[in-house]
């Protein structure tokens, strides 16, 4: 119990937590706890929410205990994506000051999270009217416009932001994604490297390597050791791993050494594809001369044309694939074997937009002659009701022992994969498995725009939303494709 807990000397958060548990705790106590807990929370989601709850409690007890408290609550709720709280806090702020540009910006984020882009854009344009020439307001407006597929307008706004704030790494990074999406790789890759400026906040390997070596800018590797580290999400790593053999070839020609630093769920997949002269290290065993993020390789290697990069480059473990071949045949017999991924990690910032609602996804199920395989663990609550209604669907994930290695082994034994934009989509493409990829209206830059194919994965066919949230036309086309496959 908190009442009987004596925190160690100097543990300010624990001391304040114990204090607010007392019956006589006042607004000042809750405010101090919330402020201190937030500073100590770093990127811990639950601790941040605890801190936010404390700030709200302070406001409830005495709204005047800190003149900036309501702003702090709105901004903090914006950071943790508590959109209901953002909505209520900004409503109060705007009743006090109808020209509060920050409140308009935060409120727009909450509205946009509900896919109401017309209203979000209206709010952001009001913020820009109040603070014309403000780079933050213009940047938020650019992102809102981009999410509506108005890429040229979004790019013009980002270039205006960079005129006002030339050192804005985030604006340059967002610009790079528009350039890469449009196939302007020679412009986009250098700008994409702007993420290095905020990489310390995102990647522990980047921070640790930066303390002992220089970031590689493409210098000669003669007599040098370069560590390339995995970064961003699993999909990013799967996409960029294709460039490692080409990097090894360059190092070989120059007389240098390359080490791939990676210790994640994709490790064994990568080990199978690495050339013999690239070692994989799971910790900082070697002190390098240079380090470089995996996603910077296309820039460093001068890849400005994706032609020729779309073939399969990963492989499933042969022994594990053989085991799964027997299991899949036993489960599905001679039917068409189709893997399914309809939603992803809910912590992903775009998961709500990239995922297909379960009730809509059912439109793909029940096609005669098809056995479906759920590829994402933890979906039993969805799969079991489908099975109870007679849909032939298997959940093999309970037999997964090696994470992505098992996913790869299952994929290698399927006829087709139907997936949202996720790690398994990249894995299927990297393995060369025929894939129907369902993507939201404004998807990740990997998938370009307007086309049905991506040059990065020859086996992947793209099915795009024609408008924000419009999954029905996508599902209808994919169902038609499944029916044709099953009728062969």
Protein backbone atom coordinates (compact mmCIF):
# COMPACT_ATOMS: atom_id res chain seq x y z
CA UNK A 1 0.00 0.00 0.00
CA UNK A 2 1.16 3.53 -0.73
CA UNK A 3 0.28 4.64 2.80
CA UNK A 4 2.83 2.27 4.30
CA UNK A 5 5.52 2.77 1.66
CA UNK A 6 8.56 4.83 2.61
CA UNK A 7 10.33 5.97 -0.59
CA UNK A 8 14.11 6.16 -0.65
CA UNK A 9 15.69 9.52 0.02
CA UNK A 10 15.94 11.53 -3.19
CA UNK A 11 13.18 9.62 -5.02
CA UNK A 12 11.11 12.71 -5.72
CA UNK A 13 8.43 11.01 -7.80
CA UNK A 14 7.80 8.32 -5.18
CA UNK A 15 7.74 10.90 -2.40
CA UNK A 16 5.21 13.02 -4.25
CA UNK A 17 3.14 9.99 -5.18
CA UNK A 18 2.97 9.11 -1.49
CA UNK A 19 2.03 12.69 -0.68
CA UNK A 20 -0.93 12.84 -3.09
CA UNK A 21 -2.22 9.57 -1.61
CA UNK A 22 -2.87 11.44 1.65
CA UNK A 23 -6.44 12.61 2.31
CA UNK A 24 -5.35 16.25 2.68
CA UNK A 25 -3.47 16.40 -0.66
CA UNK A 26 -4.23 19.68 -2.41
CA UNK A 27 -3.90 21.12 -5.89
CA UNK A 28 -0.29 22.20 -5.26
CA UNK A 29 0.65 18.63 -4.31
CA UNK A 30 -0.95 17.16 -7.42
CA UNK A 31 0.65 19.84 -9.58
CA UNK A 32 4.11 19.14 -8.18
CA UNK A 33 3.60 15.41 -8.63
CA UNK A 34 2.40 15.81 -12.20
CA UNK A 35 5.25 18.11 -13.21
CA UNK A 36 7.92 15.95 -11.56
CA UNK A 37 6.47 12.68 -12.84
CA UNK A 38 6.36 14.06 -16.38
CA UNK A 39 10.02 15.07 -16.30
CA UNK A 40 10.96 11.61 -15.03
CA UNK A 41 8.69 9.69 -17.39
CA UNK A 42 10.88 10.08 -20.50
CA UNK A 43 9.11 8.00 -23.19
CA UNK A 44 7.30 5.62 -20.82
CA UNK A 45 3.67 5.70 -21.93
CA UNK A 46 2.07 4.65 -18.64
CA UNK A 47 4.16 7.05 -16.54
CA UNK A 48 3.28 9.88 -18.90
CA UNK A 49 -0.39 9.10 -18.49
CA UNK A 50 0.02 9.01 -14.72
CA UNK A 51 1.63 12.45 -14.86
CA UNK A 52 -1.15 13.78 -17.05
CA UNK A 53 -3.78 12.42 -14.67
CA UNK A 54 -2.09 14.25 -11.81
CA UNK A 55 -2.16 17.54 -13.73
CA UNK A 56 -5.86 17.08 -14.45
CA UNK A 57 -6.50 16.39 -10.77
CA UNK A 58 -4.68 19.58 -9.82
CA UNK A 59 -6.87 21.55 -12.22
CA UNK A 60 -10.03 19.95 -10.85
CA UNK A 61 -9.07 20.92 -7.31
CA UNK A 62 -8.03 24.48 -8.16
CA UNK A 63 -7.96 25.75 -11.78
CA UNK A 64 -6.03 28.82 -10.63
CA UNK A 65 -3.16 26.92 -8.97
CA UNK A 66 -1.01 27.56 -12.05
CA UNK A 67 -1.96 30.12 -14.74
CA UNK A 68 -0.44 27.91 -17.46
CA UNK A 69 -1.94 24.63 -16.21
CA UNK A 70 -4.73 24.31 -18.77
CA UNK A 71 -2.23 24.91 -21.58
CA UNK A 72 0.07 22.31 -20.04
CA UNK A 73 -2.77 19.79 -19.85
CA UNK A 74 -3.78 20.38 -23.49
CA UNK A 75 -0.21 20.10 -24.74
CA UNK A 76 0.55 17.03 -22.62
CA UNK A 77 -2.66 15.34 -23.76
CA UNK A 78 -1.64 16.14 -27.34
CA UNK A 79 1.74 14.45 -26.78
CA UNK A 80 0.22 11.25 -25.34
CA UNK A 81 -2.63 11.34 -27.90
CA UNK A 82 -5.46 11.52 -25.38
CA UNK A 83 -7.75 13.13 -27.92
CA UNK A 84 -10.84 13.35 -25.72
CA UNK A 85 -8.86 15.35 -23.17
CA UNK A 86 -7.34 17.52 -25.90
CA UNK A 87 -10.86 18.28 -27.11
CA UNK A 88 -12.16 19.28 -23.69
CA UNK A 89 -9.05 21.25 -22.67
CA UNK A 90 -8.87 23.23 -25.90
CA UNK A 91 -12.60 23.98 -25.76
CA UNK A 92 -12.00 25.63 -22.38
CA UNK A 93 -8.92 27.46 -23.66
CA UNK A 94 -10.82 28.91 -26.61
CA UNK A 95 -13.64 30.14 -24.39
CA UNK A 96 -11.01 32.11 -22.47
CA UNK A 97 -9.13 33.31 -25.57
CA UNK A 98 -10.62 32.91 -29.05
CA UNK A 99 -7.23 33.80 -30.56
CA UNK A 100 -5.22 31.05 -28.89
CA UNK A 101 -3.28 29.62 -31.85
CA UNK A 102 -1.85 26.73 -29.83
CA UNK A 103 -5.34 25.64 -28.82
CA UNK A 104 -6.39 25.60 -32.46
CA UNK A 105 -3.36 23.48 -33.39
CA UNK A 106 -3.91 20.96 -30.59
CA UNK A 107 -7.64 20.81 -31.29
CA UNK A 108 -6.98 20.19 -34.98
CA UNK A 109 -4.91 17.12 -34.06
CA UNK A 110 -7.81 15.67 -32.07
CA UNK A 111 -10.24 16.33 -34.90
CA UNK A 112 -7.84 14.86 -37.46
CA UNK A 113 -7.47 11.71 -35.36
CA UNK A 114 -11.18 11.15 -36.01
CA UNK A 115 -10.55 11.56 -39.77
CA UNK A 116 -12.40 14.87 -39.92
CA UNK A 117 -9.84 16.53 -42.15
CA UNK A 118 -12.08 19.33 -43.37
CA UNK A 119 -12.55 20.59 -39.81
CA UNK A 120 -8.88 20.00 -38.92
CA UNK A 121 -7.78 22.05 -41.90
CA UNK A 122 -10.23 24.82 -40.97
CA UNK A 123 -8.79 24.96 -37.43
CA UNK A 124 -5.21 25.02 -38.69
CA UNK A 125 -5.94 27.77 -41.19
CA UNK A 126 -7.43 29.75 -38.31
CA UNK A 127 -4.17 29.24 -36.39
CA UNK A 128 -2.17 30.44 -39.41
CA UNK A 129 -4.43 33.50 -39.65
CA UNK A 130 -3.76 34.34 -36.01
CA UNK A 131 0.01 33.80 -36.25
CA UNK A 132 0.90 34.33 -39.93
CA UNK A 133 4.39 33.20 -40.76
CA UNK A 134 4.57 30.86 -37.78
CA UNK A 135 6.51 27.78 -38.94
CA UNK A 136 4.86 25.42 -36.46
CA UNK A 137 1.34 26.31 -37.58
CA UNK A 138 2.33 26.09 -41.24
CA UNK A 139 4.03 22.75 -40.68
CA UNK A 140 0.92 21.27 -39.06
CA UNK A 141 -1.18 22.61 -41.93
CA UNK A 142 1.19 21.02 -44.44
CA UNK A 143 0.83 17.62 -42.78
CA UNK A 144 -2.96 17.93 -42.69
CA UNK A 145 -3.03 18.78 -46.40
CA UNK A 146 -0.68 15.88 -47.15
CA UNK A 147 -2.99 13.43 -45.37
CA UNK A 148 -5.69 14.48 -47.82
CA UNK A 149 -3.51 13.53 -50.77
CA UNK A 150 -2.79 17.11 -51.87
CA UNK A 151 0.93 16.49 -52.14
CA UNK A 152 1.96 19.47 -54.27
CA UNK A 153 0.22 21.88 -51.89
CA UNK A 154 1.78 20.15 -48.89
CA UNK A 155 5.22 20.41 -50.45
CA UNK A 156 4.78 24.12 -51.12
CA UNK A 157 3.81 24.66 -47.48
CA UNK A 158 6.82 22.69 -46.23
CA UNK A 159 9.14 24.73 -48.42
CA UNK A 160 7.62 27.86 -46.89
CA UNK A 161 8.30 26.40 -43.42
CA UNK A 162 11.92 25.84 -44.40
CA UNK A 163 12.21 29.43 -45.63
CA UNK A 164 11.08 30.58 -42.19
CA UNK A 165 12.96 27.92 -40.24
CA UNK A 166 15.85 26.57 -42.36
CA UNK A 167 17.12 24.32 -39.56
CA UNK A 168 13.85 22.47 -39.05
CA UNK A 169 14.94 18.85 -39.36
CA UNK A 170 11.37 17.60 -38.98
CA UNK A 171 10.12 19.78 -41.84
CA UNK A 172 13.00 18.64 -44.04
CA UNK A 173 12.25 15.02 -43.16
CA UNK A 174 8.57 15.45 -44.04
CA UNK A 175 9.58 17.08 -47.33
CA UNK A 176 11.86 14.13 -48.09
CA UNK A 177 8.98 11.69 -47.78
CA UNK A 178 6.99 13.63 -50.37
CA UNK A 179 9.99 13.70 -52.71
CA UNK A 180 10.66 9.97 -52.34
CA UNK A 181 6.97 9.17 -52.79
CA UNK A 182 7.09 11.05 -56.09
CA UNK A 183 10.18 9.11 -57.20
CA UNK A 184 12.51 12.11 -56.86
CA UNK A 185 15.11 10.03 -55.05
CA UNK A 186 18.11 12.24 -55.82
CA UNK A 187 16.39 15.06 -53.89
CA UNK A 188 14.64 12.92 -51.30
CA UNK A 189 17.44 10.72 -49.95
CA UNK A 190 19.70 13.61 -48.82
CA UNK A 191 16.74 15.29 -47.15
CA UNK A 192 15.71 11.99 -45.53
CA UNK A 193 19.03 12.02 -43.68
CA UNK A 194 17.71 14.98 -41.68
CA UNK A 195 16.29 12.40 -39.26
CA UNK A 196 19.82 12.11 -37.85
CA UNK A 197 19.26 15.45 -36.13
CA UNK A 198 16.53 13.95 -33.96
CA UNK A 199 17.81 10.37 -34.05
CA UNK A 200 19.03 10.47 -30.44
CA UNK A 201 15.39 10.62 -29.40
CA UNK A 202 14.50 7.57 -31.47
CA UNK A 203 17.36 5.11 -31.49
CA UNK A 204 19.67 3.97 -28.70
CA UNK A 205 22.19 2.55 -31.19
CA UNK A 206 22.48 5.92 -32.92
CA UNK A 207 23.20 7.58 -29.59
CA UNK A 208 25.75 5.01 -28.40
CA UNK A 209 27.61 4.83 -31.71
CA UNK A 210 27.68 8.61 -31.96
CA UNK A 211 29.78 8.70 -28.79
CA UNK A 212 32.56 6.54 -30.26
CA UNK A 213 32.55 7.11 -34.04
CA UNK A 214 31.69 9.52 -36.84
CA UNK A 215 28.50 9.33 -38.86
CA UNK A 216 29.41 7.95 -42.26
CA UNK A 217 28.90 10.45 -45.05
CA UNK A 218 30.13 8.16 -47.80
CA UNK A 219 33.88 8.52 -47.15
CA UNK A 220 36.28 5.85 -48.39
CA UNK A 221 36.20 2.67 -46.33
CA UNK A 222 39.82 1.80 -47.05
CA UNK A 223 41.22 0.43 -43.81
CA UNK A 224 38.07 1.49 -41.95
CA UNK A 225 35.27 -0.29 -40.09
CA UNK A 226 31.67 0.78 -40.58
CA UNK A 227 28.79 -0.30 -38.35
CA UNK A 228 25.35 -0.12 -39.96
CA UNK A 229 22.55 -0.23 -37.39
CA UNK A 230 18.92 -1.16 -37.79
CA UNK A 231 16.51 1.71 -37.25
CA UNK A 232 12.85 2.68 -37.21
CA UNK A 233 10.31 -0.16 -37.54
CA UNK A 234 10.52 -3.75 -38.69
CA UNK A 235 9.12 -2.81 -42.08
CA UNK A 236 11.83 -0.19 -42.59
CA UNK A 237 14.57 -2.67 -41.69
CA UNK A 238 13.11 -5.33 -43.98
CA UNK A 239 12.93 -2.84 -46.84
CA UNK A 240 16.46 -1.48 -46.43
CA UNK A 241 18.27 -4.77 -45.76
CA UNK A 242 18.38 -5.36 -49.54
CA UNK A 243 21.18 -2.79 -49.79
CA UNK A 244 23.59 -4.58 -47.45
CA UNK A 245 25.13 -6.87 -50.11
CA UNK A 246 25.85 -3.86 -52.33
CA UNK A 247 27.48 -2.10 -49.40
CA UNK A 248 29.57 -5.21 -48.75
CA UNK A 249 30.71 -5.12 -52.36
CA UNK A 250 31.85 -1.53 -52.02
CA UNK A 251 33.72 -2.24 -48.78
CA UNK A 252 35.35 -5.27 -50.38
CA UNK A 253 36.59 -3.18 -53.31
CA UNK A 254 37.93 -0.46 -51.03
CA UNK A 255 39.49 -2.76 -48.44
CA UNK A 256 37.14 -1.87 -45.60
CA UNK A 257 34.96 -3.80 -43.18
CA UNK A 258 31.20 -3.67 -42.58
CA UNK A 259 29.36 -4.85 -39.48
CA UNK A 260 25.58 -4.98 -39.22
CA UNK A 261 24.42 -4.09 -35.73
CA UNK A 262 21.04 -5.66 -35.05
CA UNK A 263 19.46 -7.53 -32.17
CA UNK A 264 15.78 -7.83 -32.89
CA UNK A 265 13.13 -10.24 -34.13
CA UNK A 266 14.47 -10.11 -37.70
CA UNK A 267 17.98 -11.17 -36.77
CA UNK A 268 17.99 -14.70 -38.24
CA UNK A 269 16.31 -13.56 -41.45
CA UNK A 270 19.11 -11.08 -41.97
CA UNK A 271 21.85 -13.52 -41.03
CA UNK A 272 20.82 -15.80 -43.89
CA UNK A 273 21.10 -13.05 -46.49
CA UNK A 274 24.31 -11.34 -45.33
CA UNK A 275 27.45 -11.86 -47.41
CA UNK A 276 30.18 -13.79 -45.54
CA UNK A 277 32.25 -10.63 -45.02
CA UNK A 278 29.48 -8.77 -43.15
CA UNK A 279 29.39 -9.80 -39.51
CA UNK A 280 26.22 -9.37 -37.48
CA UNK A 281 26.76 -8.09 -33.96
CA UNK A 282 24.04 -7.83 -31.34
CA UNK A 283 25.97 -5.41 -29.11
CA UNK A 284 28.80 -2.92 -29.46
CA UNK A 285 31.58 -5.48 -29.63
CA UNK A 286 33.64 -3.61 -32.23
CA UNK A 287 34.71 0.01 -32.00
CA UNK A 288 34.10 1.35 -35.52
CA UNK A 289 35.51 4.30 -37.40
CA UNK A 290 32.07 5.13 -38.82
CA UNK A 291 28.43 4.34 -38.16
CA UNK A 292 25.38 4.70 -40.37
CA UNK A 293 21.65 4.03 -40.18
CA UNK A 294 20.31 1.27 -42.39
CA UNK A 295 17.87 3.67 -44.05
CA UNK A 296 20.74 5.87 -45.26
CA UNK A 297 22.19 3.15 -47.49
CA UNK A 298 20.34 4.11 -50.69
CA UNK A 299 21.80 7.62 -50.34
CA UNK A 300 25.33 6.42 -49.63
CA UNK A 301 25.17 3.89 -52.47
CA UNK A 302 23.72 6.37 -54.95
CA UNK A 303 20.48 4.45 -55.56
CA UNK A 304 18.30 6.91 -57.46
CA UNK A 305 16.48 4.37 -59.63
CA UNK A 306 14.55 1.48 -58.05
CA UNK A 307 14.67 -0.58 -61.23
CA UNK A 308 16.22 -3.96 -60.56
CA UNK A 309 15.72 -3.80 -56.80
CA UNK A 310 12.34 -5.56 -56.64
CA UNK A 311 13.38 -9.21 -56.64
CA UNK A 312 13.29 -11.48 -53.59
CA UNK A 313 16.30 -11.12 -51.30
CA UNK A 314 15.30 -12.89 -48.10
CA UNK A 315 14.60 -16.58 -47.52
CA UNK A 316 12.85 -18.69 -44.91
CA UNK A 317 14.85 -21.13 -42.83
CA UNK A 318 14.76 -24.36 -44.93
CA UNK A 319 14.22 -26.70 -41.98
CA UNK A 320 11.50 -24.53 -40.45
CA UNK A 321 9.83 -24.08 -43.85
CA UNK A 322 9.76 -27.87 -44.28
CA UNK A 323 8.05 -28.30 -40.92
CA UNK A 324 5.46 -25.69 -41.79
CA UNK A 325 4.91 -27.23 -45.22
CA UNK A 326 3.56 -30.33 -43.53
CA UNK A 327 1.44 -28.33 -41.10
CA UNK A 328 -0.02 -26.09 -43.81
CA UNK A 329 -0.89 -29.05 -46.03
CA UNK A 330 -2.54 -30.79 -43.10
CA UNK A 331 -4.57 -27.67 -42.28
CA UNK A 332 -5.55 -26.69 -45.81
CA UNK A 333 -5.19 -29.68 -48.09
CA UNK A 334 -5.58 -28.73 -51.75
CA UNK A 335 -7.43 -25.45 -51.13
CA UNK A 336 -5.98 -22.04 -51.93
CA UNK A 337 -3.85 -21.00 -48.97
CA UNK A 338 -4.20 -17.30 -48.16
CA UNK A 339 -2.46 -15.45 -45.33
CA UNK A 340 -4.28 -12.54 -43.68
CA UNK A 341 -3.18 -9.41 -41.80
CA UNK A 342 -5.99 -6.91 -41.18
CA UNK A 343 -4.56 -4.78 -38.36
CA UNK A 344 -1.21 -3.99 -36.80
CA UNK A 345 0.40 -2.72 -33.62
CA UNK A 346 -2.07 -0.25 -32.06
CA UNK A 347 0.87 1.81 -30.80
CA UNK A 348 1.86 2.61 -34.39
CA UNK A 349 0.95 6.23 -35.10
CA UNK A 350 -0.90 5.29 -38.30
CA UNK A 351 -2.45 2.03 -37.18
CA UNK A 352 -6.02 3.31 -37.03
CA UNK A 353 -5.80 4.46 -40.65
CA UNK A 354 -3.86 1.54 -42.09
CA UNK A 355 -5.98 -1.17 -40.37
CA UNK A 356 -9.23 -2.53 -41.81
CA UNK A 357 -12.15 -2.69 -39.34
CA UNK A 358 -12.98 -6.31 -38.59
CA UNK A 359 -16.62 -5.99 -39.63
CA UNK A 360 -15.55 -4.70 -43.07
CA UNK A 361 -12.73 -7.20 -43.48
CA UNK A 362 -15.25 -10.05 -43.34
CA UNK A 363 -16.11 -9.22 -46.97
CA UNK A 364 -12.96 -11.14 -47.96
CA UNK A 365 -13.88 -14.29 -46.07
CA UNK A 366 -15.97 -17.33 -46.95
CA UNK A 367 -14.82 -17.74 -50.55
CA UNK A 368 -15.21 -21.41 -51.51
CA UNK A 369 -11.96 -23.29 -51.98
CA UNK A 370 -9.92 -20.97 -49.75
CA UNK A 371 -8.31 -21.69 -46.40
CA UNK A 372 -7.30 -18.53 -44.57
CA UNK A 373 -4.34 -18.23 -42.22
CA UNK A 374 -4.26 -15.46 -39.60
CA UNK A 375 -0.63 -14.34 -39.49
CA UNK A 376 -0.69 -11.89 -36.56
CA UNK A 377 -0.53 -13.31 -33.00
CA UNK A 378 -3.18 -12.41 -30.46
CA UNK A 379 -6.18 -12.31 -32.81
CA UNK A 380 -8.11 -15.27 -31.35
CA UNK A 381 -10.99 -13.04 -30.21
CA UNK A 382 -11.61 -12.21 -33.87
CA UNK A 383 -10.74 -15.54 -35.45
CA UNK A 384 -12.88 -17.76 -33.21
CA UNK A 385 -16.22 -16.07 -34.05
CA UNK A 386 -15.38 -16.31 -37.75
CA UNK A 387 -14.62 -20.00 -37.38
CA UNK A 388 -17.86 -20.48 -35.44
CA UNK A 389 -19.75 -19.09 -38.44
CA UNK A 390 -18.21 -21.70 -40.71
CA UNK A 391 -15.36 -19.67 -42.20
CA UNK A 392 -12.37 -21.90 -42.91
CA UNK A 393 -9.67 -19.95 -41.08
CA UNK A 394 -6.65 -21.22 -39.20
CA UNK A 395 -4.67 -19.42 -36.52
CA UNK A 396 -1.18 -20.98 -36.62
CA UNK A 397 0.40 -18.37 -34.38
CA UNK A 398 0.11 -20.52 -31.27
CA UNK A 399 2.80 -22.73 -32.80
CA UNK A 400 5.17 -19.84 -33.49
CA UNK A 401 8.43 -20.39 -31.62
CA UNK A 402 10.77 -18.04 -33.47
CA UNK A 403 8.74 -14.93 -34.29
CA UNK A 404 9.38 -13.62 -37.79
CA UNK A 405 11.26 -16.79 -38.73
CA UNK A 406 8.03 -18.72 -38.26
CA UNK A 407 6.07 -16.07 -40.16
CA UNK A 408 8.56 -16.38 -43.03
CA UNK A 409 8.28 -20.17 -42.99
CA UNK A 410 4.47 -19.99 -43.16
CA UNK A 411 4.58 -17.34 -45.91
CA UNK A 412 6.86 -19.55 -47.97
CA UNK A 413 4.10 -22.19 -48.00
CA UNK A 414 1.16 -19.95 -48.90
CA UNK A 415 -0.26 -19.20 -52.33
CA UNK A 416 -1.12 -15.60 -51.56
CA UNK A 417 -0.99 -13.01 -48.79
CA UNK A 418 -3.61 -10.32 -48.20
CA UNK A 419 -2.30 -7.68 -45.83
CA UNK A 420 -2.38 -4.09 -44.71
CA UNK A 421 0.78 -1.95 -44.72
CA UNK A 422 2.76 -3.76 -42.02
CA UNK A 423 5.92 -5.72 -41.28
CA UNK A 424 4.46 -8.91 -42.82
CA UNK A 425 3.78 -6.97 -46.05
CA UNK A 426 7.46 -6.12 -46.37
CA UNK A 427 8.45 -9.64 -45.38
CA UNK A 428 6.18 -11.18 -48.02
CA UNK A 429 7.61 -8.85 -50.66
CA UNK A 430 11.19 -9.56 -49.60
CA UNK A 431 10.48 -13.30 -49.83
CA UNK A 432 8.84 -12.95 -53.24
CA UNK A 433 5.44 -14.23 -52.05
CA UNK A 434 2.44 -13.05 -54.17
CA UNK A 435 0.78 -10.34 -52.11
CA UNK A 436 -2.31 -8.15 -52.26
CA UNK A 437 -1.40 -5.06 -50.25
CA UNK A 438 -4.32 -2.94 -49.07
CA UNK A 439 -3.16 0.58 -48.34
CA UNK A 440 -4.89 3.63 -46.95
CA UNK A 441 -5.44 6.75 -49.03
CA UNK A 442 -2.13 8.34 -48.04
CA UNK A 443 0.15 5.49 -47.15
CA UNK A 444 3.88 5.25 -46.41
CA UNK A 445 6.26 6.56 -49.06
CA UNK A 446 7.43 3.02 -49.91
CA UNK A 447 4.32 2.56 -52.02
CA UNK A 448 4.54 5.71 -54.14
CA UNK A 449 1.29 7.02 -55.54
CA UNK A 450 -1.38 6.20 -58.09
CA UNK A 451 0.19 2.95 -59.34
CA UNK A 452 -0.82 -0.68 -58.79
CA UNK A 453 2.75 -1.89 -58.50
CA UNK A 454 5.78 -0.87 -56.47
CA UNK A 455 9.23 -1.12 -58.02
CA UNK A 456 10.60 -2.21 -54.66
CA UNK A 457 8.72 -5.56 -54.51
CA UNK A 458 7.95 -7.41 -57.74
CA UNK A 459 5.50 -9.81 -56.04
CA UNK A 460 3.32 -7.12 -54.41
CA UNK A 461 0.17 -5.69 -56.00
CA UNK A 462 -1.25 -2.50 -54.49
CA UNK A 463 -4.92 -1.83 -53.74
CA UNK A 464 -5.37 1.80 -52.70
CA UNK A 465 -8.22 3.54 -50.94
CA UNK A 466 -9.80 6.02 -53.38
CA UNK A 467 -10.62 8.31 -50.44
CA UNK A 468 -9.83 8.56 -46.73
CA UNK A 469 -11.33 5.60 -44.89
CA UNK A 470 -12.83 4.03 -48.04
CA UNK A 471 -12.05 0.35 -47.55
CA UNK A 472 -15.15 -1.05 -49.33
CA UNK A 473 -13.82 -0.52 -52.90
CA UNK A 474 -10.44 -1.97 -51.87
CA UNK A 475 -12.03 -5.06 -50.35
CA UNK A 476 -14.25 -5.58 -53.38
CA UNK A 477 -11.24 -5.62 -55.71
CA UNK A 478 -9.24 -7.92 -53.47
CA UNK A 479 -12.20 -10.30 -53.15
CA UNK A 480 -12.45 -10.42 -56.93
CA UNK A 481 -8.76 -11.24 -57.11
CA UNK A 482 -9.14 -14.00 -54.52
CA UNK A 483 -12.05 -15.52 -56.40
CA UNK A 484 -10.00 -15.65 -59.59
CA UNK A 485 -7.11 -17.32 -57.75
CA UNK A 486 -9.44 -19.86 -56.15
CA UNK A 487 -11.07 -20.70 -59.51
CA UNK A 488 -7.76 -21.69 -61.15
